[in-house]
């Protein structure tokens, strides 16, 4: 279950719900995979200029941080919705992580 206070996003990939979470470890993993600083990569993404390799690296890192199993991680690249589904999930996770206002805890 997603915790929106923490910035979790539920991504439906290949008919399965995965929790995406942009932790510092996930961001560092993405930087290692792409060889780019995360702010540079995020700026490229905002201009719709992202490689499939970068998109997949983000999806795997965010899903791993959200608690996905190795079996679930292996299936991310084979999701039937393909690139649009992955792009929406990654964008939602980044937006939630860097939103200027977080929901208040009750």
C-alpha atoms as a PDB file:
ATOM      1  CA  UNK A   1       0.000   0.000   0.000  1.00  0.00           C
ATOM      2  CA  UNK A   2       1.278   3.424  -0.920  1.00  0.00           C
ATOM      3  CA  UNK A   3       2.052   6.027   1.712  1.00  0.00           C
ATOM      4  CA  UNK A   4       1.346   9.383   0.025  1.00  0.00           C
ATOM      5  CA  UNK A   5       2.841  11.347   2.920  1.00  0.00           C
ATOM      6  CA  UNK A   6       6.170   9.707   2.139  1.00  0.00           C
ATOM      7  CA  UNK A   7       5.797  10.334  -1.613  1.00  0.00           C
ATOM      8  CA  UNK A   8       4.825   6.828  -2.674  1.00  0.00           C
ATOM      9  CA  UNK A   9       3.109   6.383  -6.025  1.00  0.00           C
ATOM     10  CA  UNK A  10       1.258   3.261  -7.109  1.00  0.00           C
ATOM     11  CA  UNK A  11       2.212   2.335 -10.658  1.00  0.00           C
ATOM     12  CA  UNK A  12       0.146  -0.159 -12.586  1.00  0.00           C
ATOM     13  CA  UNK A  13       2.617  -1.998 -14.802  1.00  0.00           C
ATOM     14  CA  UNK A  14       1.560  -5.028 -16.761  1.00  0.00           C
ATOM     15  CA  UNK A  15      -1.621  -5.292 -14.739  1.00  0.00           C
ATOM     16  CA  UNK A  16       0.254  -5.385 -11.433  1.00  0.00           C
ATOM     17  CA  UNK A  17       0.379  -2.598  -8.846  1.00  0.00           C
ATOM     18  CA  UNK A  18       3.897  -1.605  -7.807  1.00  0.00           C
ATOM     19  CA  UNK A  19       4.806   1.067  -5.293  1.00  0.00           C
ATOM     20  CA  UNK A  20       7.346   3.579  -6.649  1.00  0.00           C
ATOM     21  CA  UNK A  21       9.376   5.623  -4.171  1.00  0.00           C
ATOM     22  CA  UNK A  22      12.146   8.147  -4.916  1.00  0.00           C
ATOM     23  CA  UNK A  23      14.580   7.567  -2.062  1.00  0.00           C
ATOM     24  CA  UNK A  24      18.127   8.928  -1.985  1.00  0.00           C
ATOM     25  CA  UNK A  25      19.386   5.398  -2.678  1.00  0.00           C
ATOM     26  CA  UNK A  26      17.093   5.134  -5.709  1.00  0.00           C
ATOM     27  CA  UNK A  27      18.322   8.491  -7.029  1.00  0.00           C
ATOM     28  CA  UNK A  28      21.956   7.414  -6.560  1.00  0.00           C
ATOM     29  CA  UNK A  29      21.213   4.121  -8.331  1.00  0.00           C
ATOM     30  CA  UNK A  30      19.756   6.070 -11.265  1.00  0.00           C
ATOM     31  CA  UNK A  31      22.818   8.336 -11.386  1.00  0.00           C
ATOM     32  CA  UNK A  32      25.080   5.256 -11.437  1.00  0.00           C
ATOM     33  CA  UNK A  33      23.036   3.616 -14.217  1.00  0.00           C
ATOM     34  CA  UNK A  34      22.880   6.716 -16.417  1.00  0.00           C
ATOM     35  CA  UNK A  35      26.173   8.419 -15.623  1.00  0.00           C
ATOM     36  CA  UNK A  36      24.300  11.704 -15.144  1.00  0.00           C
ATOM     37  CA  UNK A  37      23.466  13.789 -12.107  1.00  0.00           C
ATOM     38  CA  UNK A  38      19.802  13.404 -11.256  1.00  0.00           C
ATOM     39  CA  UNK A  39      18.926  17.111 -11.782  1.00  0.00           C
ATOM     40  CA  UNK A  40      20.415  16.956 -15.296  1.00  0.00           C
ATOM     41  CA  UNK A  41      18.474  13.805 -16.088  1.00  0.00           C
ATOM     42  CA  UNK A  42      15.256  15.249 -14.640  1.00  0.00           C
ATOM     43  CA  UNK A  43      15.651  18.360 -16.810  1.00  0.00           C
ATOM     44  CA  UNK A  44      16.004  16.152 -19.876  1.00  0.00           C
ATOM     45  CA  UNK A  45      12.888  14.259 -18.848  1.00  0.00           C
ATOM     46  CA  UNK A  46      10.861  17.440 -18.506  1.00  0.00           C
ATOM     47  CA  UNK A  47      11.670  18.208 -22.128  1.00  0.00           C
ATOM     48  CA  UNK A  48      10.488  14.736 -23.198  1.00  0.00           C
ATOM     49  CA  UNK A  49      14.070  13.854 -24.072  1.00  0.00           C
ATOM     50  CA  UNK A  50      14.641  10.592 -22.202  1.00  0.00           C
ATOM     51  CA  UNK A  51      16.160   7.349 -23.386  1.00  0.00           C
ATOM     52  CA  UNK A  52      14.495   3.999 -22.807  1.00  0.00           C
ATOM     53  CA  UNK A  53      17.572   2.975 -20.796  1.00  0.00           C
ATOM     54  CA  UNK A  54      17.092   5.940 -18.446  1.00  0.00           C
ATOM     55  CA  UNK A  55      13.351   5.338 -18.183  1.00  0.00           C
ATOM     56  CA  UNK A  56      13.891   1.692 -17.298  1.00  0.00           C
ATOM     57  CA  UNK A  57      16.660   2.554 -14.804  1.00  0.00           C
ATOM     58  CA  UNK A  58      14.288   4.972 -13.045  1.00  0.00           C
ATOM     59  CA  UNK A  59      11.404   2.504 -12.982  1.00  0.00           C
ATOM     60  CA  UNK A  60      13.533  -0.306 -11.552  1.00  0.00           C
ATOM     61  CA  UNK A  61      15.200   1.914  -8.926  1.00  0.00           C
ATOM     62  CA  UNK A  62      11.901   3.457  -7.777  1.00  0.00           C
ATOM     63  CA  UNK A  63      10.120   0.082  -7.680  1.00  0.00           C
ATOM     64  CA  UNK A  64      13.000  -1.487  -5.738  1.00  0.00           C
ATOM     65  CA  UNK A  65      12.816   1.377  -3.223  1.00  0.00           C
ATOM     66  CA  UNK A  66       9.067   0.788  -2.974  1.00  0.00           C
ATOM     67  CA  UNK A  67       9.606  -2.854  -2.016  1.00  0.00           C
ATOM     68  CA  UNK A  68       9.250  -4.719  -5.331  1.00  0.00           C
ATOM     69  CA  UNK A  69      10.543  -8.274  -5.417  1.00  0.00           C
ATOM     70  CA  UNK A  70      13.273  -9.431  -7.805  1.00  0.00           C
ATOM     71  CA  UNK A  71      10.583 -11.244  -9.815  1.00  0.00           C
ATOM     72  CA  UNK A  72       8.537  -8.052 -10.129  1.00  0.00           C
ATOM     73  CA  UNK A  73      11.635  -6.032 -11.083  1.00  0.00           C
ATOM     74  CA  UNK A  74      12.473  -8.514 -13.843  1.00  0.00           C
ATOM     75  CA  UNK A  75       9.037  -7.989 -15.404  1.00  0.00           C
ATOM     76  CA  UNK A  76       9.091  -4.173 -15.493  1.00  0.00           C
ATOM     77  CA  UNK A  77      10.629  -3.987 -18.955  1.00  0.00           C
ATOM     78  CA  UNK A  78       8.051  -6.422 -20.298  1.00  0.00           C
ATOM     79  CA  UNK A  79       5.007  -4.478 -19.073  1.00  0.00           C
ATOM     80  CA  UNK A  80       2.320  -4.520 -21.753  1.00  0.00           C
ATOM     81  CA  UNK A  81       1.691  -0.779 -21.541  1.00  0.00           C
ATOM     82  CA  UNK A  82       5.298  -0.188 -22.529  1.00  0.00           C
ATOM     83  CA  UNK A  83       6.876   3.230 -22.649  1.00  0.00           C
ATOM     84  CA  UNK A  84       3.786   5.389 -21.926  1.00  0.00           C
ATOM     85  CA  UNK A  85       2.968   3.358 -18.809  1.00  0.00           C
ATOM     86  CA  UNK A  86       6.561   3.490 -17.549  1.00  0.00           C
ATOM     87  CA  UNK A  87       6.890   7.203 -18.317  1.00  0.00           C
ATOM     88  CA  UNK A  88       3.700   8.023 -16.405  1.00  0.00           C
ATOM     89  CA  UNK A  89       4.810   5.970 -13.403  1.00  0.00           C
ATOM     90  CA  UNK A  90       8.294   7.511 -13.291  1.00  0.00           C
ATOM     91  CA  UNK A  91       6.959  11.056 -13.774  1.00  0.00           C
ATOM     92  CA  UNK A  92       4.400  10.530 -11.004  1.00  0.00           C
ATOM     93  CA  UNK A  93       7.090   9.317  -8.627  1.00  0.00           C
ATOM     94  CA  UNK A  94       9.404  12.235  -9.363  1.00  0.00           C
ATOM     95  CA  UNK A  95       6.535  14.720  -8.997  1.00  0.00           C
ATOM     96  CA  UNK A  96       5.514  13.222  -5.663  1.00  0.00           C
ATOM     97  CA  UNK A  97       9.086  13.229  -4.364  1.00  0.00           C
ATOM     98  CA  UNK A  98       9.816  16.809  -5.300  1.00  0.00           C
ATOM     99  CA  UNK A  99       6.409  18.381  -4.711  1.00  0.00           C
ATOM    100  CA  UNK A 100       6.728  21.696  -2.894  1.00  0.00           C
ATOM    101  CA  UNK A 101       3.882  20.818  -0.578  1.00  0.00           C
ATOM    102  CA  UNK A 102       3.494  17.466   1.107  1.00  0.00           C
ATOM    103  CA  UNK A 103       0.136  16.344   2.488  1.00  0.00           C
ATOM    104  CA  UNK A 104      -0.197  16.936   6.210  1.00  0.00           C
ATOM    105  CA  UNK A 105      -0.054  13.959   8.562  1.00  0.00           C
ATOM    106  CA  UNK A 106      -3.272  13.423  10.477  1.00  0.00           C
END
